[in-house]
C-alpha atoms as a PDB file:
ATOM      1  CA  MET A   1       0.308   0.027   0.371  1.00  0.00           C
ATOM      2  CA  ALA A   2       1.350   3.589  -1.238  1.00  0.00           C
ATOM      3  CA  ASP A   3       1.486   6.684   0.584  1.00  0.00           C
ATOM      4  CA  GLN A   4      -2.108   9.093  -1.178  1.00  0.00           C
ATOM      5  CA  GLN A   5      -3.320  12.012  -0.144  1.00  0.00           C
ATOM      6  CA  ILE A   6      -5.528  12.565   0.377  1.00  0.00           C
ATOM      7  CA  GLY A   7      -7.897  16.162   0.510  1.00  0.00           C
ATOM      8  CA  GLN A   8     -10.037  15.485  -2.752  1.00  0.00           C
ATOM      9  CA  LEU A   9     -11.009  12.057  -0.199  1.00  0.00           C
ATOM     10  CA  LEU A  10     -11.921  13.881   2.512  1.00  0.00           C
ATOM     11  CA  ASP A  11     -14.035  16.679   0.461  1.00  0.00           C
ATOM     12  CA  THR A  12     -15.963  13.549  -0.768  1.00  0.00           C
ATOM     13  CA  LEU A  13     -16.270  12.181   2.284  1.00  0.00           C
ATOM     14  CA  GLY A  14     -17.815  15.840   3.659  1.00  0.00           C
ATOM     15  CA  VAL A  15     -15.397  17.108   5.608  1.00  0.00           C
ATOM     16  CA  THR A  16     -15.972  20.044   7.166  1.00  0.00           C
ATOM     17  CA  ALA A  17     -14.238  22.050  10.028  1.00  0.00           C
ATOM     18  CA  ASP A  18     -15.491  25.388  12.195  1.00  0.00           C
ATOM     19  CA  LEU A  19     -13.305  27.728  11.056  1.00  0.00           C
ATOM     20  CA  ASP A  20     -13.641  31.410  11.144  1.00  0.00           C
ATOM     21  CA  ASP A  21     -11.658  34.436   9.097  1.00  0.00           C
ATOM     22  CA  GLY A  22      -8.297  34.564   9.541  1.00  0.00           C
ATOM     23  CA  ASP A  23      -7.994  30.664  11.695  1.00  0.00           C
ATOM     24  CA  TRP A  24      -5.461  29.369  10.174  1.00  0.00           C
ATOM     25  CA  ALA A  25      -5.290  25.362  10.663  1.00  0.00           C
ATOM     26  CA  THR A  26      -1.613  24.098  11.411  1.00  0.00           C
ATOM     27  CA  ASP A  27      -1.685  20.309  11.597  1.00  0.00           C
ATOM     28  CA  ALA A  28      -4.151  17.686  10.894  1.00  0.00           C
ATOM     29  CA  PHE A  29      -4.567  14.164  12.811  1.00  0.00           C
ATOM     30  CA  ILE A  30      -6.706  12.363  11.439  1.00  0.00           C
ATOM     31  CA  ILE A  31      -8.916   8.847  11.626  1.00  0.00           C
ATOM     32  CA  LEU A  32      -9.892   6.517   8.267  1.00  0.00           C
ATOM     33  CA  LYS A  33     -12.858   3.534   7.922  1.00  0.00           C
ATOM     34  CA  VAL A  34     -11.848   1.853   5.424  1.00  0.00           C
ATOM     35  CA  SER A  35     -13.352  -1.075   4.102  1.00  0.00           C
ATOM     36  CA  LYS A  36     -11.476  -3.205   2.651  1.00  0.00           C
ATOM     37  CA  ALA A  37     -11.767  -5.377  -0.274  1.00  0.00           C
ATOM     38  CA  ASP A  38     -12.211  -8.786   1.460  1.00  0.00           C
ATOM     39  CA  GLY A  39     -14.847  -7.537   3.624  1.00  0.00           C
ATOM     40  CA  GLY A  40     -12.974  -6.076   5.684  1.00  0.00           C
ATOM     41  CA  THR A  41     -12.348  -2.740   7.961  1.00  0.00           C
ATOM     42  CA  THR A  42     -10.203  -1.030   9.422  1.00  0.00           C
ATOM     43  CA  LEU A  43      -8.757   2.266  11.057  1.00  0.00           C
ATOM     44  CA  ILE A  44      -6.307   3.925   9.770  1.00  0.00           C
ATOM     45  CA  LYS A  45      -4.446   7.142  11.341  1.00  0.00           C
ATOM     46  CA  ALA A  46      -3.032  10.145   9.264  1.00  0.00           C
ATOM     47  CA  THR A  47      -0.897  12.838   9.834  1.00  0.00           C
ATOM     48  CA  SER A  48       0.076  16.479   8.701  1.00  0.00           C
ATOM     49  CA  GLU A  49       4.297  16.456   7.061  1.00  0.00           C
ATOM     50  CA  ALA A  50       5.270  18.698  10.592  1.00  0.00           C
ATOM     51  CA  LEU A  51       2.322  17.085  12.730  1.00  0.00           C
ATOM     52  CA  ASP A  52       5.461  16.010  15.775  1.00  0.00           C
ATOM     53  CA  TRP A  53       4.149  12.356  18.277  1.00  0.00           C
ATOM     54  CA  VAL A  54       4.276  14.793  21.266  1.00  0.00           C
ATOM     55  CA  THR A  55       1.033  17.720  20.141  1.00  0.00           C
ATOM     56  CA  SER A  56      -0.550  14.130  17.752  1.00  0.00           C
ATOM     57  CA  ILE A  57      -1.250  12.354  21.446  1.00  0.00           C
ATOM     58  CA  GLY A  58      -1.919  15.896  22.972  1.00  0.00           C
ATOM     59  CA  MET A  59      -4.276  16.563  19.968  1.00  0.00           C
ATOM     60  CA  LEU A  60      -5.480  12.756  20.193  1.00  0.00           C
ATOM     61  CA  THR A  61      -6.354  13.489  24.258  1.00  0.00           C
ATOM     62  CA  ALA A  62      -7.724  16.264  23.885  1.00  0.00           C
ATOM     63  CA  VAL A  63     -10.340  15.028  20.897  1.00  0.00           C
ATOM     64  CA  LEU A  64     -11.770  12.352  23.049  1.00  0.00           C
ATOM     65  CA  ALA A  65     -12.498  14.679  26.118  1.00  0.00           C
ATOM     66  CA  ILE A  66     -14.383  17.232  24.055  1.00  0.00           C
ATOM     67  CA  GLU A  67     -16.406  13.606  22.300  1.00  0.00           C
ATOM     68  CA  ASN A  68     -17.109  12.862  26.215  1.00  0.00           C
ATOM     69  CA  GLY A  69     -18.258  15.972  26.699  1.00  0.00           C
ATOM     70  CA  ARG A  70     -15.606  16.585  28.953  1.00  0.00           C
ATOM     71  CA  TYR A  71     -14.062  19.718  27.331  1.00  0.00           C
ATOM     72  CA  VAL A  72     -15.346  23.115  28.145  1.00  0.00           C
ATOM     73  CA  ASN A  73     -13.666  26.792  26.231  1.00  0.00           C
ATOM     74  CA  ILE A  74     -13.330  28.670  29.250  1.00  0.00           C
ATOM     75  CA  ALA A  75     -13.633  32.007  26.861  1.00  0.00           C
ATOM     76  CA  GLU A  76     -17.074  30.672  25.571  1.00  0.00           C
ATOM     77  CA  ASP A  77     -18.410  29.712  29.407  1.00  0.00           C
ATOM     78  CA  ASP A  78     -20.095  31.775  30.104  1.00  0.00           C
ATOM     79  CA  ASP A  79     -20.872  30.356  34.477  1.00  0.00           C
END
């Protein structure tokens, strides 16, 4: 299996991000669910070229907190 650029694939899947004007994405950590030709299913991790392992683990940990509802953005918290 060879590495492939996946920008067009993400567009085809309808992947979007909530970015404000002036925001600049600097890194990406992507998890793909892939249906294999033999009928199996697998998960594949893809990252931006410059993403180091420490930041990668931090991003994964943060998204787990967000998905589990434990993350609170203090700047947006009105309490």
